Amino acid sequence: MSDMKKHVNFAVSALVIILLVFACIPAFAASEKPLTLRIAHVVTEKGGEHLGSLKLKEILEKKSGGKIIVEIYPNGSMGQNREMIESMQAGALDMGLPALPALGGFTDATKVFDLLYLFNDRKEAEKVLDGEVGKSVAKSVEKSGVKIISWWSQGFRESTSNRKFVKPEDLKGLKIRVMDNPLHIEAWNTLGASAIPMAFSEVLTSLQQGVLDAQENPYQNIVQSGFDKVQKFIIETGHLYGPLPLVFSKKVWDKLTPEQQKMIQEAADETKIYEREAQEKINKDLRDGIVKSKTCTIVTLTPEQKNAFRAKLLPLYKKHAPSTNGLLEKIYHQLGRKIDFK
């Protein structure tokens, strides 16, 4: 073989190798599929949970440059609170927005947020959730296989009733539906009412039939379920703030790269600000709708009236303070309140 032919063959071989190398680069890049994360919640597309999920999707997909895609499953399509948590524990669901009490079976730390009249307003609640107490409660659930990465909001719970009440004495004998939560039941009974735990699906019929005199829920649930149309009063008791945990599967989280974890955490923190505002606006708009339609009369408790209800519950606070492992004392200290829980 001549030297010229050898040079030609070598050049051709080199060119083939170079072309193969460059041909593989786009093929490899194309094979890198984006990470898809699924988030589920149990409310409709009009709820704060869904608006927050949409914002999280928008922020995270933009922040990652399309490398992370978020799919949203509303209306309990991935199961109710318990099923969502179990799916996240198994790594079958990436993210969820379960009601906080559903995590109570895994840690006693969430119990502190079940105390009625713990917070006066949204500002106090957010200060605590974004501080040491919020971090401590979030940390306590990780042993169960899930991770709270952000605290969103369901807003405050209010009361609807066929009987007007503005002080604890007015509650005597009032049959009020409450969640099947021992602390809620004990609190309403301590205030003088007759607390009746009942499935949410049965509440409307029970109000219509007179089995119940009253119930308590956020404005979102009150309006969507039509409670305002079968009750004479909405009493703005603001008795319980609903922290909404954004929960992540620990199995999935631990498999993510540090860069992915950082982007998700940043997106969750940014979304938190938006969702809290969106939830407050939803409640305000629903309230304004009731005022306009005059379906029932809205009674707003003054700070002094709310303090009277809180004072009635202080023995309950002292009784359950030890089981909060110091969290109740930390909340009172952070909010500048003084009370002896011993």
C-alpha atoms as a PDB file:
ATOM      1  CA  MET A   1       0.000   0.000   0.000  1.00  0.00           C
ATOM      2  CA  SER A   2       1.400   3.385  -1.003  1.00  0.00           C
ATOM      3  CA  ASP A   3       2.095   6.091   1.553  1.00  0.00           C
ATOM      4  CA  MET A   4      -0.577   8.228  -0.101  1.00  0.00           C
ATOM      5  CA  LYS A   5      -3.196   5.482   0.318  1.00  0.00           C
ATOM      6  CA  LYS A   6      -2.208   4.991   3.967  1.00  0.00           C
ATOM      7  CA  HIS A   7      -2.643   8.694   4.623  1.00  0.00           C
ATOM      8  CA  VAL A   8      -6.049   8.685   2.929  1.00  0.00           C
ATOM      9  CA  ASN A   9      -7.245   5.661   4.921  1.00  0.00           C
ATOM     10  CA  PHE A  10      -6.008   7.210   8.157  1.00  0.00           C
ATOM     11  CA  ALA A  11      -7.747  10.485   7.389  1.00  0.00           C
ATOM     12  CA  VAL A  12     -10.997   8.707   6.548  1.00  0.00           C
ATOM     13  CA  SER A  13     -10.838   6.629   9.740  1.00  0.00           C
ATOM     14  CA  ALA A  14     -10.147   9.708  11.829  1.00  0.00           C
ATOM     15  CA  LEU A  15     -13.033  11.545  10.205  1.00  0.00           C
ATOM     16  CA  VAL A  16     -15.392   8.625  10.865  1.00  0.00           C
ATOM     17  CA  ILE A  17     -14.369   8.545  14.541  1.00  0.00           C
ATOM     18  CA  ILE A  18     -14.869  12.305  14.890  1.00  0.00           C
ATOM     19  CA  LEU A  19     -18.282  12.128  13.236  1.00  0.00           C
ATOM     20  CA  LEU A  20     -19.325   9.253  15.489  1.00  0.00           C
ATOM     21  CA  VAL A  21     -18.258  11.169  18.594  1.00  0.00           C
ATOM     22  CA  PHE A  22     -20.196  14.286  17.599  1.00  0.00           C
ATOM     23  CA  ALA A  23     -23.154  12.200  16.516  1.00  0.00           C
ATOM     24  CA  CYS A  24     -23.341  10.658  19.978  1.00  0.00           C
ATOM     25  CA  ILE A  25     -23.443  13.977  21.812  1.00  0.00           C
ATOM     26  CA  PRO A  26     -26.941  15.081  20.728  1.00  0.00           C
ATOM     27  CA  ALA A  27     -28.169  11.516  21.007  1.00  0.00           C
ATOM     28  CA  PHE A  28     -27.009  11.389  24.619  1.00  0.00           C
ATOM     29  CA  ALA A  29     -28.448  14.818  25.415  1.00  0.00           C
ATOM     30  CA  ALA A  30     -31.752  13.857  23.855  1.00  0.00           C
ATOM     31  CA  SER A  31     -31.891  10.742  26.015  1.00  0.00           C
ATOM     32  CA  GLU A  32     -31.762  12.845  29.204  1.00  0.00           C
ATOM     33  CA  LYS A  33     -35.424  13.012  30.144  1.00  0.00           C
ATOM     34  CA  PRO A  34     -36.627  15.755  32.501  1.00  0.00           C
ATOM     35  CA  LEU A  35     -37.450  14.799  36.067  1.00  0.00           C
ATOM     36  CA  THR A  36     -41.223  14.573  36.512  1.00  0.00           C
ATOM     37  CA  LEU A  37     -42.634  15.290  39.975  1.00  0.00           C
ATOM     38  CA  ARG A  38     -46.261  14.632  40.843  1.00  0.00           C
ATOM     39  CA  ILE A  39     -48.093  16.699  43.455  1.00  0.00           C
ATOM     40  CA  ALA A  40     -51.556  15.801  44.769  1.00  0.00           C
ATOM     41  CA  HIS A  41     -54.211  17.466  46.914  1.00  0.00           C
ATOM     42  CA  VAL A  42     -57.852  16.822  47.833  1.00  0.00           C
ATOM     43  CA  VAL A  43     -59.583  20.118  46.949  1.00  0.00           C
ATOM     44  CA  THR A  44     -61.007  21.516  43.713  1.00  0.00           C
ATOM     45  CA  GLU A  45     -59.174  23.592  41.130  1.00  0.00           C
ATOM     46  CA  LYS A  46     -60.582  26.733  42.812  1.00  0.00           C
ATOM     47  CA  GLY A  47     -58.864  26.102  46.140  1.00  0.00           C
ATOM     48  CA  GLY A  48     -55.684  27.639  47.506  1.00  0.00           C
ATOM     49  CA  GLU A  49     -53.964  24.260  47.377  1.00  0.00           C
ATOM     50  CA  HIS A  50     -54.442  24.119  43.614  1.00  0.00           C
ATOM     51  CA  LEU A  51     -53.418  27.727  43.010  1.00  0.00           C
ATOM     52  CA  GLY A  52     -50.288  27.075  45.049  1.00  0.00           C
ATOM     53  CA  SER A  53     -49.552  23.908  43.081  1.00  0.00           C
ATOM     54  CA  LEU A  54     -49.867  25.808  39.805  1.00  0.00           C
ATOM     55  CA  LYS A  55     -47.474  28.487  41.049  1.00  0.00           C
ATOM     56  CA  LEU A  56     -44.999  25.844  42.258  1.00  0.00           C
ATOM     57  CA  LYS A  57     -45.128  24.241  38.808  1.00  0.00           C
ATOM     58  CA  GLU A  58     -44.526  27.593  37.115  1.00  0.00           C
ATOM     59  CA  ILE A  59     -41.599  28.581  39.331  1.00  0.00           C
ATOM     60  CA  LEU A  60     -39.884  25.180  39.406  1.00  0.00           C
ATOM     61  CA  GLU A  61     -40.129  24.512  35.679  1.00  0.00           C
ATOM     62  CA  LYS A  62     -38.733  27.981  34.945  1.00  0.00           C
ATOM     63  CA  LYS A  63     -36.015  27.738  37.591  1.00  0.00           C
ATOM     64  CA  SER A  64     -34.857  24.342  36.273  1.00  0.00           C
ATOM     65  CA  GLY A  65     -34.993  25.381  32.635  1.00  0.00           C
ATOM     66  CA  GLY A  66     -37.464  22.603  31.916  1.00  0.00           C
ATOM     67  CA  LYS A  67     -35.335  19.914  33.565  1.00  0.00           C
ATOM     68  CA  ILE A  68     -38.037  19.418  36.210  1.00  0.00           C
ATOM     69  CA  ILE A  69     -41.679  19.004  35.206  1.00  0.00           C
ATOM     70  CA  VAL A  70     -44.534  19.164  37.740  1.00  0.00           C
ATOM     71  CA  GLU A  71     -47.806  17.277  37.249  1.00  0.00           C
ATOM     72  CA  ILE A  72     -50.783  18.244  39.449  1.00  0.00           C
ATOM     73  CA  TYR A  73     -53.482  15.823  40.640  1.00  0.00           C
ATOM     74  CA  PRO A  74     -56.415  17.650  42.345  1.00  0.00           C
ATOM     75  CA  ASN A  75     -59.762  16.496  43.788  1.00  0.00           C
ATOM     76  CA  GLY A  76     -58.359  13.536  45.700  1.00  0.00           C
ATOM     77  CA  SER A  77     -57.475  11.757  42.456  1.00  0.00           C
ATOM     78  CA  MET A  78     -54.431  10.286  44.218  1.00  0.00           C
ATOM     79  CA  GLY A  79     -56.443   9.392  47.315  1.00  0.00           C
ATOM     80  CA  GLN A  80     -57.465  11.227  50.450  1.00  0.00           C
ATOM     81  CA  ASN A  81     -55.053  12.489  53.106  1.00  0.00           C
ATOM     82  CA  ARG A  82     -54.058   9.104  54.502  1.00  0.00           C
ATOM     83  CA  GLU A  83     -53.656   7.486  51.082  1.00  0.00           C
ATOM     84  CA  MET A  84     -51.492  10.376  49.867  1.00  0.00           C
ATOM     85  CA  ILE A  85     -49.176  10.046  52.851  1.00  0.00           C
ATOM     86  CA  GLU A  86     -48.860   6.281  52.400  1.00  0.00           C
ATOM     87  CA  SER A  87     -48.061   6.750  48.697  1.00  0.00           C
ATOM     88  CA  MET A  88     -45.339   9.260  49.568  1.00  0.00           C
ATOM     89  CA  GLN A  89     -43.907   6.908  52.181  1.00  0.00           C
ATOM     90  CA  ALA A  90     -43.666   4.225  49.494  1.00  0.00           C
ATOM     91  CA  GLY A  91     -42.151   6.638  46.970  1.00  0.00           C
ATOM     92  CA  ALA A  92     -45.133   6.196  44.642  1.00  0.00           C
ATOM     93  CA  LEU A  93     -46.105   9.883  44.979  1.00  0.00           C
ATOM     94  CA  ASP A  94     -43.559  12.686  45.070  1.00  0.00           C
ATOM     95  CA  MET A  95     -45.392  15.564  46.767  1.00  0.00           C
ATOM     96  CA  GLY A  96     -48.710  16.139  48.506  1.00  0.00           C
ATOM     97  CA  LEU A  97     -50.704  18.679  50.493  1.00  0.00           C
ATOM     98  CA  PRO A  98     -52.424  16.609  53.194  1.00  0.00           C
ATOM     99  CA  ALA A  99     -54.253  18.201  56.114  1.00  0.00           C
ATOM    100  CA  LEU A 100     -51.844  18.564  59.034  1.00  0.00           C
ATOM    101  CA  PRO A 101     -53.890  16.387  61.456  1.00  0.00           C
ATOM    102  CA  ALA A 102     -53.309  13.454  59.078  1.00  0.00           C
ATOM    103  CA  LEU A 103     -49.634  13.570  60.089  1.00  0.00           C
ATOM    104  CA  GLY A 104     -50.551  13.437  63.772  1.00  0.00           C
ATOM    105  CA  GLY A 105     -50.289   9.657  63.797  1.00  0.00           C
ATOM    106  CA  PHE A 106     -46.542   9.906  63.172  1.00  0.00           C
ATOM    107  CA  THR A 107     -45.580  12.634  65.628  1.00  0.00           C
ATOM    108  CA  ASP A 108     -47.036  14.360  68.686  1.00  0.00           C
ATOM    109  CA  ALA A 109     -45.443  17.631  67.581  1.00  0.00           C
ATOM    110  CA  THR A 110     -48.349  18.573  65.285  1.00  0.00           C
ATOM    111  CA  LYS A 111     -50.671  18.452  68.296  1.00  0.00           C
ATOM    112  CA  VAL A 112     -49.707  21.973  69.362  1.00  0.00           C
ATOM    113  CA  PHE A 113     -51.430  23.416  66.280  1.00  0.00           C
ATOM    114  CA  ASP A 114     -54.706  21.739  67.300  1.00  0.00           C
ATOM    115  CA  LEU A 115     -55.089  24.090  70.272  1.00  0.00           C
ATOM    116  CA  LEU A 116     -57.927  26.550  69.682  1.00  0.00           C
ATOM    117  CA  TYR A 117     -57.122  30.285  69.823  1.00  0.00           C
ATOM    118  CA  LEU A 118     -53.389  29.635  69.645  1.00  0.00           C
ATOM    119  CA  PHE A 119     -52.921  32.474  67.126  1.00  0.00           C
ATOM    120  CA  ASN A 120     -54.590  35.879  66.987  1.00  0.00           C
ATOM    121  CA  ASP A 121     -53.923  36.437  63.315  1.00  0.00           C
ATOM    122  CA  ARG A 122     -52.091  35.254  60.230  1.00  0.00           C
ATOM    123  CA  LYS A 123     -48.977  37.280  61.075  1.00  0.00           C
ATOM    124  CA  GLU A 124     -48.518  35.411  64.364  1.00  0.00           C
ATOM    125  CA  ALA A 125     -49.070  32.023  62.729  1.00  0.00           C
ATOM    126  CA  GLU A 126     -46.559  32.665  59.954  1.00  0.00           C
ATOM    127  CA  LYS A 127     -43.967  33.958  62.417  1.00  0.00           C
ATOM    128  CA  VAL A 128     -44.147  30.683  64.340  1.00  0.00           C
ATOM    129  CA  LEU A 129     -44.303  28.390  61.303  1.00  0.00           C
ATOM    130  CA  ASP A 130     -41.344  30.104  59.628  1.00  0.00           C
ATOM    131  CA  GLY A 131     -39.308  29.970  62.835  1.00  0.00           C
ATOM    132  CA  GLU A 132     -37.829  27.388  65.185  1.00  0.00           C
ATOM    133  CA  VAL A 133     -41.162  25.730  66.042  1.00  0.00           C
ATOM    134  CA  GLY A 134     -42.103  25.202  62.401  1.00  0.00           C
ATOM    135  CA  LYS A 135     -38.696  23.676  61.678  1.00  0.00           C
ATOM    136  CA  SER A 136     -38.947  21.439  64.747  1.00  0.00           C
ATOM    137  CA  VAL A 137     -42.379  20.093  63.777  1.00  0.00           C
ATOM    138  CA  ALA A 138     -41.204  19.511  60.205  1.00  0.00           C
ATOM    139  CA  LYS A 139     -38.125  17.638  61.414  1.00  0.00           C
ATOM    140  CA  SER A 140     -40.211  15.404  63.679  1.00  0.00           C
ATOM    141  CA  VAL A 141     -42.122  13.794  60.790  1.00  0.00           C
ATOM    142  CA  GLU A 142     -39.070  12.738  58.767  1.00  0.00           C
ATOM    143  CA  LYS A 143     -38.732   9.465  60.667  1.00  0.00           C
ATOM    144  CA  SER A 144     -42.073   8.447  59.131  1.00  0.00           C
ATOM    145  CA  GLY A 145     -40.723   8.586  55.581  1.00  0.00           C
ATOM    146  CA  VAL A 146     -41.985  11.999  54.518  1.00  0.00           C
ATOM    147  CA  LYS A 147     -40.498  15.486  54.676  1.00  0.00           C
ATOM    148  CA  ILE A 148     -42.256  18.843  55.181  1.00  0.00           C
ATOM    149  CA  ILE A 149     -40.432  21.288  52.899  1.00  0.00           C
ATOM    150  CA  SER A 150     -42.711  24.308  53.335  1.00  0.00           C
ATOM    151  CA  TRP A 151     -45.655  25.629  55.342  1.00  0.00           C
ATOM    152  CA  TRP A 152     -48.551  26.894  53.241  1.00  0.00           C
ATOM    153  CA  SER A 153     -51.961  27.982  54.585  1.00  0.00           C
ATOM    154  CA  GLN A 154     -55.598  26.928  54.738  1.00  0.00           C
ATOM    155  CA  GLY A 155     -56.549  30.111  56.553  1.00  0.00           C
ATOM    156  CA  PHE A 156     -58.587  30.381  59.745  1.00  0.00           C
ATOM    157  CA  ARG A 157     -61.609  28.283  60.620  1.00  0.00           C
ATOM    158  CA  GLU A 158     -64.843  30.139  61.352  1.00  0.00           C
ATOM    159  CA  SER A 159     -68.189  28.968  62.752  1.00  0.00           C
ATOM    160  CA  THR A 160     -71.678  28.793  61.257  1.00  0.00           C
ATOM    161  CA  SER A 161     -74.671  28.531  63.566  1.00  0.00           C
ATOM    162  CA  ASN A 162     -78.419  28.918  63.858  1.00  0.00           C
ATOM    163  CA  ARG A 163     -77.758  30.620  67.168  1.00  0.00           C
ATOM    164  CA  LYS A 164     -75.706  33.777  67.591  1.00  0.00           C
ATOM    165  CA  PHE A 165     -72.869  33.526  70.097  1.00  0.00           C
ATOM    166  CA  VAL A 166     -70.209  36.057  71.088  1.00  0.00           C
ATOM    167  CA  LYS A 167     -69.065  34.743  74.488  1.00  0.00           C
ATOM    168  CA  PRO A 168     -68.461  31.294  76.012  1.00  0.00           C
ATOM    169  CA  GLU A 169     -71.708  31.422  77.998  1.00  0.00           C
ATOM    170  CA  ASP A 170     -73.656  31.582  74.720  1.00  0.00           C
ATOM    171  CA  LEU A 171     -72.362  28.150  73.716  1.00  0.00           C
ATOM    172  CA  LYS A 172     -74.156  26.210  76.424  1.00  0.00           C
ATOM    173  CA  GLY A 173     -75.837  23.180  74.857  1.00  0.00           C
ATOM    174  CA  LEU A 174     -74.918  24.190  71.284  1.00  0.00           C
ATOM    175  CA  LYS A 175     -74.567  21.033  69.171  1.00  0.00           C
ATOM    176  CA  ILE A 176     -71.567  21.758  66.995  1.00  0.00           C
ATOM    177  CA  ARG A 177     -69.935  19.429  64.496  1.00  0.00           C
ATOM    178  CA  VAL A 178     -66.166  19.205  64.884  1.00  0.00           C
ATOM    179  CA  MET A 179     -63.449  17.116  63.274  1.00  0.00           C
ATOM    180  CA  ASP A 180     -62.777  13.766  64.906  1.00  0.00           C
ATOM    181  CA  ASN A 181     -59.860  15.241  66.809  1.00  0.00           C
ATOM    182  CA  PRO A 182     -59.598  14.685  70.591  1.00  0.00           C
ATOM    183  CA  LEU A 183     -58.277  18.188  71.280  1.00  0.00           C
ATOM    184  CA  HIS A 184     -60.981  19.874  69.210  1.00  0.00           C
ATOM    185  CA  ILE A 185     -63.702  17.865  70.938  1.00  0.00           C
ATOM    186  CA  GLU A 186     -62.306  18.613  74.389  1.00  0.00           C
ATOM    187  CA  ALA A 187     -61.899  22.319  73.598  1.00  0.00           C
ATOM    188  CA  TRP A 188     -65.461  22.899  72.397  1.00  0.00           C
ATOM    189  CA  ASN A 189     -66.844  20.953  75.341  1.00  0.00           C
ATOM    190  CA  THR A 190     -64.684  23.050  77.680  1.00  0.00           C
ATOM    191  CA  LEU A 191     -66.167  26.191  76.116  1.00  0.00           C
ATOM    192  CA  GLY A 192     -69.638  24.899  76.990  1.00  0.00           C
ATOM    193  CA  ALA A 193     -70.798  23.492  73.651  1.00  0.00           C
ATOM    194  CA  SER A 194     -71.750  19.909  72.891  1.00  0.00           C
ATOM    195  CA  ALA A 195     -69.078  18.788  70.415  1.00  0.00           C
ATOM    196  CA  ILE A 196     -70.165  16.125  67.934  1.00  0.00           C
ATOM    197  CA  PRO A 197     -67.500  14.510  65.720  1.00  0.00           C
ATOM    198  CA  MET A 198     -68.989  13.659  62.340  1.00  0.00           C
ATOM    199  CA  ALA A 199     -67.877  12.854  58.794  1.00  0.00           C
ATOM    200  CA  PHE A 200     -67.745  15.977  56.633  1.00  0.00           C
ATOM    201  CA  SER A 201     -70.074  14.412  54.063  1.00  0.00           C
ATOM    202  CA  GLU A 202     -72.866  14.165  56.656  1.00  0.00           C
ATOM    203  CA  VAL A 203     -72.725  17.744  57.948  1.00  0.00           C
ATOM    204  CA  LEU A 204     -75.037  19.511  55.483  1.00  0.00           C
ATOM    205  CA  THR A 205     -77.876  17.018  55.928  1.00  0.00           C
ATOM    206  CA  SER A 206     -77.450  17.064  59.711  1.00  0.00           C
ATOM    207  CA  LEU A 207     -77.697  20.865  59.747  1.00  0.00           C
ATOM    208  CA  GLN A 208     -80.820  20.767  57.584  1.00  0.00           C
ATOM    209  CA  GLN A 209     -82.466  18.152  59.806  1.00  0.00           C
ATOM    210  CA  GLY A 210     -81.601  19.916  63.066  1.00  0.00           C
ATOM    211  CA  VAL A 211     -79.287  17.159  64.273  1.00  0.00           C
ATOM    212  CA  LEU A 212     -76.657  19.888  64.484  1.00  0.00           C
ATOM    213  CA  ASP A 213     -76.949  23.552  65.485  1.00  0.00           C
ATOM    214  CA  ALA A 214     -73.555  24.605  64.199  1.00  0.00           C
ATOM    215  CA  GLN A 215     -70.298  23.586  62.525  1.00  0.00           C
ATOM    216  CA  GLU A 216     -66.844  25.095  61.960  1.00  0.00           C
ATOM    217  CA  ASN A 217     -64.717  25.268  58.801  1.00  0.00           C
ATOM    218  CA  PRO A 218     -62.705  27.690  56.650  1.00  0.00           C
ATOM    219  CA  TYR A 219     -64.736  29.987  54.379  1.00  0.00           C
ATOM    220  CA  GLN A 220     -63.733  27.863  51.404  1.00  0.00           C
ATOM    221  CA  ASN A 221     -65.514  24.801  52.823  1.00  0.00           C
ATOM    222  CA  ILE A 222     -68.438  26.818  54.178  1.00  0.00           C
ATOM    223  CA  VAL A 223     -69.349  28.237  50.773  1.00  0.00           C
ATOM    224  CA  GLN A 224     -68.518  25.224  48.611  1.00  0.00           C
ATOM    225  CA  SER A 225     -70.668  22.999  50.834  1.00  0.00           C
ATOM    226  CA  GLY A 226     -73.536  25.498  51.091  1.00  0.00           C
ATOM    227  CA  PHE A 227     -73.440  25.774  54.880  1.00  0.00           C
ATOM    228  CA  ASP A 228     -74.093  29.518  54.619  1.00  0.00           C
ATOM    229  CA  LYS A 229     -77.416  28.764  52.920  1.00  0.00           C
ATOM    230  CA  VAL A 230     -78.755  26.576  55.737  1.00  0.00           C
ATOM    231  CA  GLN A 231     -77.434  28.532  58.755  1.00  0.00           C
ATOM    232  CA  LYS A 232     -78.524  31.917  60.112  1.00  0.00           C
ATOM    233  CA  PHE A 233     -75.099  33.156  61.202  1.00  0.00           C
ATOM    234  CA  ILE A 234     -71.437  32.975  60.343  1.00  0.00           C
ATOM    235  CA  ILE A 235     -69.575  33.816  63.530  1.00  0.00           C
ATOM    236  CA  GLU A 236     -66.029  34.834  62.683  1.00  0.00           C
ATOM    237  CA  THR A 237     -64.470  33.067  65.619  1.00  0.00           C
ATOM    238  CA  GLY A 238     -61.078  32.658  63.895  1.00  0.00           C
ATOM    239  CA  HIS A 239     -60.491  29.941  66.455  1.00  0.00           C
ATOM    240  CA  LEU A 240     -58.033  27.766  64.554  1.00  0.00           C
ATOM    241  CA  TYR A 241     -55.377  28.525  61.962  1.00  0.00           C
ATOM    242  CA  GLY A 242     -54.786  25.751  59.446  1.00  0.00           C
ATOM    243  CA  PRO A 243     -51.104  25.248  58.595  1.00  0.00           C
ATOM    244  CA  LEU A 244     -50.892  23.420  55.264  1.00  0.00           C
ATOM    245  CA  PRO A 245     -47.730  21.315  54.987  1.00  0.00           C
ATOM    246  CA  LEU A 246     -46.125  20.802  51.585  1.00  0.00           C
ATOM    247  CA  VAL A 247     -44.940  17.232  52.048  1.00  0.00           C
ATOM    248  CA  PHE A 248     -42.279  15.439  50.003  1.00  0.00           C
ATOM    249  CA  SER A 249     -41.540  11.718  49.804  1.00  0.00           C
ATOM    250  CA  LYS A 250     -38.301  11.049  51.726  1.00  0.00           C
ATOM    251  CA  LYS A 251     -37.503   8.142  49.397  1.00  0.00           C
ATOM    252  CA  VAL A 252     -37.741  10.403  46.368  1.00  0.00           C
ATOM    253  CA  TRP A 253     -36.010  13.368  48.030  1.00  0.00           C
ATOM    254  CA  ASP A 254     -32.965  11.318  49.038  1.00  0.00           C
ATOM    255  CA  LYS A 255     -32.458  10.215  45.415  1.00  0.00           C
ATOM    256  CA  LEU A 256     -32.355  13.780  44.097  1.00  0.00           C
ATOM    257  CA  THR A 257     -29.116  15.615  43.406  1.00  0.00           C
ATOM    258  CA  PRO A 258     -28.174  18.501  45.734  1.00  0.00           C
ATOM    259  CA  GLU A 259     -28.855  20.876  42.837  1.00  0.00           C
ATOM    260  CA  GLN A 260     -32.370  19.464  42.339  1.00  0.00           C
ATOM    261  CA  GLN A 261     -33.098  19.630  46.076  1.00  0.00           C
ATOM    262  CA  LYS A 262     -31.939  23.251  46.165  1.00  0.00           C
ATOM    263  CA  MET A 263     -34.172  24.256  43.243  1.00  0.00           C
ATOM    264  CA  ILE A 264     -37.207  22.486  44.721  1.00  0.00           C
ATOM    265  CA  GLN A 265     -36.684  24.051  48.156  1.00  0.00           C
ATOM    266  CA  GLU A 266     -36.268  27.531  46.682  1.00  0.00           C
ATOM    267  CA  ALA A 267     -39.387  27.098  44.542  1.00  0.00           C
ATOM    268  CA  ALA A 268     -41.375  25.875  47.564  1.00  0.00           C
ATOM    269  CA  ASP A 269     -40.268  28.875  49.635  1.00  0.00           C
ATOM    270  CA  GLU A 270     -41.207  31.318  46.876  1.00  0.00           C
ATOM    271  CA  THR A 271     -44.563  29.616  46.362  1.00  0.00           C
ATOM    272  CA  LYS A 272     -45.323  29.798  50.091  1.00  0.00           C
ATOM    273  CA  ILE A 273     -45.543  33.582  49.929  1.00  0.00           C
ATOM    274  CA  TYR A 274     -47.880  33.450  46.931  1.00  0.00           C
ATOM    275  CA  GLU A 275     -50.132  30.687  48.303  1.00  0.00           C
ATOM    276  CA  ARG A 276     -50.670  32.398  51.647  1.00  0.00           C
ATOM    277  CA  GLU A 277     -51.774  35.577  49.885  1.00  0.00           C
ATOM    278  CA  ALA A 278     -53.947  33.609  47.450  1.00  0.00           C
ATOM    279  CA  GLN A 279     -55.669  31.746  50.293  1.00  0.00           C
ATOM    280  CA  GLU A 280     -56.445  34.986  52.114  1.00  0.00           C
ATOM    281  CA  LYS A 281     -57.870  36.496  48.925  1.00  0.00           C
ATOM    282  CA  ILE A 282     -60.047  33.420  48.344  1.00  0.00           C
ATOM    283  CA  ASN A 283     -61.504  33.743  51.845  1.00  0.00           C
ATOM    284  CA  LYS A 284     -62.050  37.492  51.442  1.00  0.00           C
ATOM    285  CA  ASP A 285     -63.777  37.058  48.074  1.00  0.00           C
ATOM    286  CA  LEU A 286     -66.020  34.320  49.466  1.00  0.00           C
ATOM    287  CA  ARG A 287     -66.879  36.492  52.473  1.00  0.00           C
ATOM    288  CA  ASP A 288     -67.681  39.435  50.203  1.00  0.00           C
ATOM    289  CA  GLY A 289     -69.951  37.153  48.178  1.00  0.00           C
ATOM    290  CA  ILE A 290     -71.910  36.207  51.293  1.00  0.00           C
ATOM    291  CA  VAL A 291     -72.277  39.860  52.308  1.00  0.00           C
ATOM    292  CA  LYS A 292     -73.560  40.689  48.838  1.00  0.00           C
ATOM    293  CA  SER A 293     -75.967  37.744  48.556  1.00  0.00           C
ATOM    294  CA  LYS A 294     -77.140  38.066  52.185  1.00  0.00           C
ATOM    295  CA  THR A 295     -77.468  34.297  52.550  1.00  0.00           C
ATOM    296  CA  CYS A 296     -76.753  34.711  56.268  1.00  0.00           C
ATOM    297  CA  THR A 297     -75.568  37.277  58.812  1.00  0.00           C
ATOM    298  CA  ILE A 298     -71.847  37.620  59.526  1.00  0.00           C
ATOM    299  CA  VAL A 299     -70.855  38.338  63.129  1.00  0.00           C
ATOM    300  CA  THR A 300     -67.224  39.347  63.718  1.00  0.00           C
ATOM    301  CA  LEU A 301     -65.795  38.749  67.182  1.00  0.00           C
ATOM    302  CA  THR A 302     -63.692  41.542  68.659  1.00  0.00           C
ATOM    303  CA  PRO A 303     -60.189  40.828  70.037  1.00  0.00           C
ATOM    304  CA  GLU A 304     -61.632  41.155  73.550  1.00  0.00           C
ATOM    305  CA  GLN A 305     -64.331  38.585  72.799  1.00  0.00           C
ATOM    306  CA  LYS A 306     -61.754  36.168  71.381  1.00  0.00           C
ATOM    307  CA  ASN A 307     -59.626  36.636  74.493  1.00  0.00           C
ATOM    308  CA  ALA A 308     -62.600  35.565  76.608  1.00  0.00           C
ATOM    309  CA  PHE A 309     -62.751  32.268  74.706  1.00  0.00           C
ATOM    310  CA  ARG A 310     -58.977  31.817  75.043  1.00  0.00           C
ATOM    311  CA  ALA A 311     -59.128  32.484  78.783  1.00  0.00           C
ATOM    312  CA  LYS A 312     -61.725  29.738  79.128  1.00  0.00           C
ATOM    313  CA  LEU A 313     -59.310  27.336  77.432  1.00  0.00           C
ATOM    314  CA  LEU A 314     -56.235  28.074  79.566  1.00  0.00           C
ATOM    315  CA  PRO A 315     -56.784  25.015  81.813  1.00  0.00           C
ATOM    316  CA  LEU A 316     -56.741  22.931  78.625  1.00  0.00           C
ATOM    317  CA  TYR A 317     -53.479  24.565  77.540  1.00  0.00           C
ATOM    318  CA  LYS A 318     -51.868  23.757  80.889  1.00  0.00           C
ATOM    319  CA  LYS A 319     -53.134  20.182  80.756  1.00  0.00           C
ATOM    320  CA  HIS A 320     -51.665  19.482  77.320  1.00  0.00           C
ATOM    321  CA  ALA A 321     -48.520  21.646  77.486  1.00  0.00           C
ATOM    322  CA  PRO A 322     -46.309  18.738  78.696  1.00  0.00           C
ATOM    323  CA  SER A 323     -47.269  16.597  75.690  1.00  0.00           C
ATOM    324  CA  THR A 324     -46.078  19.303  73.256  1.00  0.00           C
ATOM    325  CA  ASN A 325     -42.475  18.792  74.439  1.00  0.00           C
ATOM    326  CA  GLY A 326     -41.951  22.477  75.104  1.00  0.00           C
ATOM    327  CA  LEU A 327     -43.353  23.699  71.781  1.00  0.00           C
ATOM    328  CA  LEU A 328     -46.294  25.517  73.381  1.00  0.00           C
ATOM    329  CA  GLU A 329     -43.957  27.399  75.715  1.00  0.00           C
ATOM    330  CA  LYS A 330     -41.730  28.309  72.738  1.00  0.00           C
ATOM    331  CA  ILE A 331     -44.720  29.666  70.827  1.00  0.00           C
ATOM    332  CA  TYR A 332     -45.812  31.805  73.770  1.00  0.00           C
ATOM    333  CA  HIS A 333     -42.261  33.073  74.233  1.00  0.00           C
ATOM    334  CA  GLN A 334     -41.884  33.900  70.527  1.00  0.00           C
ATOM    335  CA  LEU A 335     -45.183  35.793  70.504  1.00  0.00           C
ATOM    336  CA  GLY A 336     -44.295  37.703  73.667  1.00  0.00           C
ATOM    337  CA  ARG A 337     -47.026  36.156  75.797  1.00  0.00           C
ATOM    338  CA  LYS A 338     -46.619  35.226  79.428  1.00  0.00           C
ATOM    339  CA  ILE A 339     -48.258  32.225  81.062  1.00  0.00           C
ATOM    340  CA  ASP A 340     -47.268  29.640  83.638  1.00  0.00           C
ATOM    341  CA  PHE A 341     -47.969  26.187  82.206  1.00  0.00           C
ATOM    342  CA  LYS A 342     -46.930  24.401  85.413  1.00  0.00           C
END
